[in-house]
Protein backbone atom coordinates (compact mmCIF):
# COMPACT_ATOMS: atom_id res chain seq x y z
CA MET A 1 -0.16 0.17 -0.12
CA PHE A 2 3.06 2.54 1.33
CA TYR A 3 4.74 1.86 -2.15
CA GLY A 4 1.66 2.64 -3.98
CA ILE A 5 1.30 6.10 -2.36
CA SER A 6 4.67 6.91 -3.25
CA MET A 7 4.20 5.99 -7.10
CA LEU A 8 1.13 8.10 -6.64
CA ILE A 9 3.59 11.07 -5.23
CA ALA A 10 6.29 10.48 -7.89
CA MET A 11 3.59 10.81 -10.55
CA LEU A 12 2.08 13.62 -9.53
CA LEU A 13 5.69 15.87 -9.06
CA LEU A 14 6.77 14.26 -12.69
CA SER A 15 3.71 15.64 -13.59
CA PHE A 16 4.12 18.84 -12.13
CA ALA A 17 7.28 19.69 -13.99
CA ILE A 18 6.37 19.07 -17.25
CA PHE A 19 3.15 21.15 -16.91
CA ASN A 20 5.75 23.96 -15.88
CA SER A 21 7.80 23.30 -18.61
CA ASN A 22 5.34 23.51 -21.17
CA LEU A 23 2.81 26.70 -19.71
CA ILE A 24 4.83 29.32 -21.15
CA GLY A 25 3.79 28.57 -25.07
CA ILE A 26 0.38 28.58 -23.80
CA ALA A 27 0.44 32.26 -22.45
CA PHE A 28 1.45 34.26 -25.25
CA ALA A 29 -1.66 34.03 -27.81
CA GLN A 30 -2.84 36.27 -25.46
CA ASN A 31 0.31 38.81 -25.47
CA ILE A 32 1.12 39.53 -29.38
CA SER A 33 -1.61 39.10 -32.40
CA ASP A 34 0.18 37.72 -35.68
CA ALA A 35 2.47 36.01 -33.44
CA SER A 36 5.09 34.09 -35.36
CA THR A 37 7.66 31.68 -33.69
CA PHE A 38 11.19 30.73 -33.69
CA ASP A 39 12.90 28.57 -31.77
CA VAL A 40 16.46 29.58 -30.64
CA THR A 41 18.78 26.53 -29.19
CA ILE A 42 20.41 26.70 -25.96
CA ASP A 43 22.33 23.62 -25.21
CA ASP A 44 21.36 21.54 -27.62
CA GLN A 45 18.01 22.45 -26.58
CA LYS A 46 15.09 24.63 -28.41
CA TYR A 47 12.66 26.88 -26.69
CA PRO A 48 10.20 28.55 -29.04
CA LEU A 49 10.23 32.65 -28.95
CA MET A 50 6.94 34.23 -30.54
CA TYR A 51 7.16 37.94 -32.26
CA ASN A 52 5.53 40.14 -34.71
CA ILE A 53 7.56 42.30 -36.57
CA THR A 54 6.88 45.18 -39.23
CA GLY A 55 9.15 46.96 -41.25
CA GLY A 56 11.22 43.71 -41.79
CA GLU A 57 12.17 39.95 -41.02
CA VAL A 58 13.95 38.29 -38.63
CA SER A 59 17.06 35.99 -40.02
CA SER A 60 17.91 34.62 -37.13
CA ILE A 61 17.83 34.73 -32.87
CA THR A 62 21.14 33.46 -30.98
CA ALA A 63 21.32 33.71 -27.24
CA ASP A 64 25.07 34.06 -25.72
CA GLN A 65 24.49 32.64 -22.51
CA ALA A 66 27.88 34.22 -21.14
CA GLN A 67 26.78 37.84 -21.52
CA SER A 68 22.85 37.13 -20.61
CA THR A 69 22.25 37.95 -24.15
CA LEU A 70 19.97 36.97 -26.92
CA LEU A 71 21.04 38.17 -30.61
CA ILE A 72 18.32 38.48 -33.26
CA ASN A 73 19.52 39.59 -36.37
CA ILE A 74 16.96 41.22 -38.94
CA ALA A 75 16.85 42.45 -42.57
CA SER A 76 14.44 46.03 -42.00
CA ARG A 77 13.53 47.37 -45.54
CA GLU A 78 11.66 50.63 -43.32
CA ASP A 79 11.11 51.86 -40.10
CA GLY A 80 9.89 49.03 -37.92
CA THR A 81 8.61 47.91 -34.57
CA LEU A 82 9.90 43.85 -33.43
CA THR A 83 7.44 42.75 -30.60
CA ILE A 84 8.98 39.62 -29.00
CA GLU A 85 7.41 37.70 -25.71
CA LEU A 86 10.20 37.14 -23.22
CA PRO A 87 9.73 33.46 -21.64
CA ARG A 88 10.95 33.50 -18.06
CA ASN A 89 11.96 30.68 -18.12
CA VAL A 90 14.21 31.47 -21.16
CA ILE A 91 15.41 34.75 -20.70
CA ASP A 92 15.33 37.60 -17.45
CA SER A 93 15.92 40.61 -16.06
CA LYS A 94 16.02 40.67 -11.72
CA ALA A 95 18.07 42.60 -9.48
CA GLN A 96 18.74 41.77 -6.49
CA GLY A 97 15.88 40.62 -4.26
CA ASN A 98 14.34 39.07 -7.53
CA THR A 99 12.86 42.06 -8.36
CA ASP A 100 12.13 42.66 -12.08
CA GLU A 101 14.79 44.83 -13.67
CA GLU A 102 14.82 46.29 -17.22
CA TYR A 103 16.41 44.95 -20.04
CA ALA A 104 18.96 46.65 -21.53
CA VAL A 105 18.54 46.83 -25.72
CA PHE A 106 20.86 48.21 -28.04
CA VAL A 107 19.93 47.96 -32.43
CA ASP A 108 23.31 47.56 -33.90
CA ASP A 109 25.30 48.37 -31.23
CA GLN A 110 23.36 51.95 -30.17
CA PRO A 111 21.60 52.01 -26.90
CA ASN A 112 17.74 51.47 -28.02
CA ASN A 113 14.10 52.97 -26.13
CA PHE A 114 12.00 50.17 -26.13
CA GLU A 115 8.29 49.29 -24.14
CA GLU A 116 7.81 47.01 -21.79
CA ILE A 117 4.04 45.74 -22.61
CA THR A 118 3.62 43.01 -20.70
CA ASN A 119 4.59 41.63 -17.95
CA ASN A 120 3.03 38.73 -16.01
CA ASN A 121 4.79 35.77 -13.76
CA GLU A 122 5.34 33.59 -17.11
CA ALA A 123 6.96 36.40 -19.56
CA ARG A 124 8.15 39.55 -20.19
CA VAL A 125 6.94 41.11 -24.06
CA LEU A 126 9.11 44.12 -25.30
CA GLU A 127 7.94 46.75 -28.32
CA ILE A 128 11.51 47.78 -29.83
CA GLY A 129 11.56 50.20 -32.41
CA PHE A 130 14.03 50.37 -35.09
CA ASP A 131 15.25 52.01 -38.37
CA ASN A 132 15.40 51.06 -41.69
CA GLY A 133 18.83 49.58 -42.44
CA ALA A 134 18.51 48.22 -38.96
CA GLU A 135 20.23 44.52 -38.63
CA GLN A 136 20.30 43.34 -35.54
CA ILE A 137 18.45 43.86 -32.28
CA GLU A 138 20.08 43.09 -28.29
CA ILE A 139 18.51 42.45 -25.68
CA ALA A 140 20.34 41.55 -22.48
CA GLY A 141 19.10 40.27 -19.06
CA THR A 142 20.86 38.86 -16.16
CA GLN A 143 20.58 35.15 -16.28
CA ILE A 144 19.50 33.47 -19.63
CA ILE A 145 18.09 29.65 -18.79
CA PRO A 146 18.46 29.37 -14.78
CA GLU A 147 20.03 27.17 -13.55
CA PHE A 148 17.88 25.04 -12.06
CA GLY A 149 14.47 24.18 -14.79
CA PRO A 150 12.31 20.98 -14.97
CA ILE A 151 14.90 18.25 -15.31
CA SER A 152 16.07 19.44 -11.46
CA ALA A 153 11.95 19.11 -10.35
CA ILE A 154 11.88 15.85 -11.95
CA ILE A 155 15.05 14.68 -10.76
CA LEU A 156 14.79 15.57 -7.21
CA ALA A 157 10.88 13.79 -7.42
CA ILE A 158 13.10 10.56 -8.47
CA SER A 159 15.37 11.36 -5.88
CA ILE A 160 13.38 11.63 -2.93
CA ILE A 161 10.87 8.68 -4.12
CA GLY A 162 14.21 6.42 -3.61
CA PHE A 163 15.17 7.70 -0.28
CA ILE A 164 11.60 6.73 0.88
CA LEU A 165 11.43 3.75 -0.58
CA ALA A 166 14.70 2.73 0.18
CA ALA A 167 14.27 3.41 3.85
CA THR A 168 11.15 1.55 3.96
CA LYS A 169 12.38 -1.61 2.61
CA TYR A 170 15.58 -1.36 5.43
CA ASN A 171 13.14 -0.73 7.99
CA LYS A 172 14.95 2.24 8.68
CA MET A 173 11.74 4.48 8.23
CA SER A 174 8.11 3.96 8.60
CA PHE A 175 5.34 5.49 7.74
CA ILE A 176 3.01 2.94 9.28
CA PRO A 177 2.52 3.14 13.25
CA LYS A 178 2.92 -0.26 14.41
CA HIS A 179 1.15 -1.98 17.28
């Protein structure tokens, strides 16, 4: 009976970790209309970034983990705007005390103004203007891909279950009162 409860707890923890890793894409549809998706690869994993661009096209998006930046290469045809959702599980900008801090945004290596149009627990959406001829937009935060992502939650769940099973097998710990 105890093993069944342990397995139920393990399945619930695993389901929670998997659900949270996929939650970001669900919220986006409400943040940007006519969104396109670009998969950015970080540590051999793909993360979808949703965006909308006027006045040009996005040709590539890369992440520089050492600098905590996203580099967005664009081909602009006229003055335009890039609206991009930045999932907090991919890139974020935090100050001490875990409070939000503004991103630093550069267009062709020059500081650029932007507007943060959405800020919630899952993502932040930036609207960045650029001039005709712009080639690169850089968004600098304080972290790219947090150290402890959904994989850590799965490993933690498996470790807890393993500990409980080993402890009960060797009678070092018992959750059932003895009469």
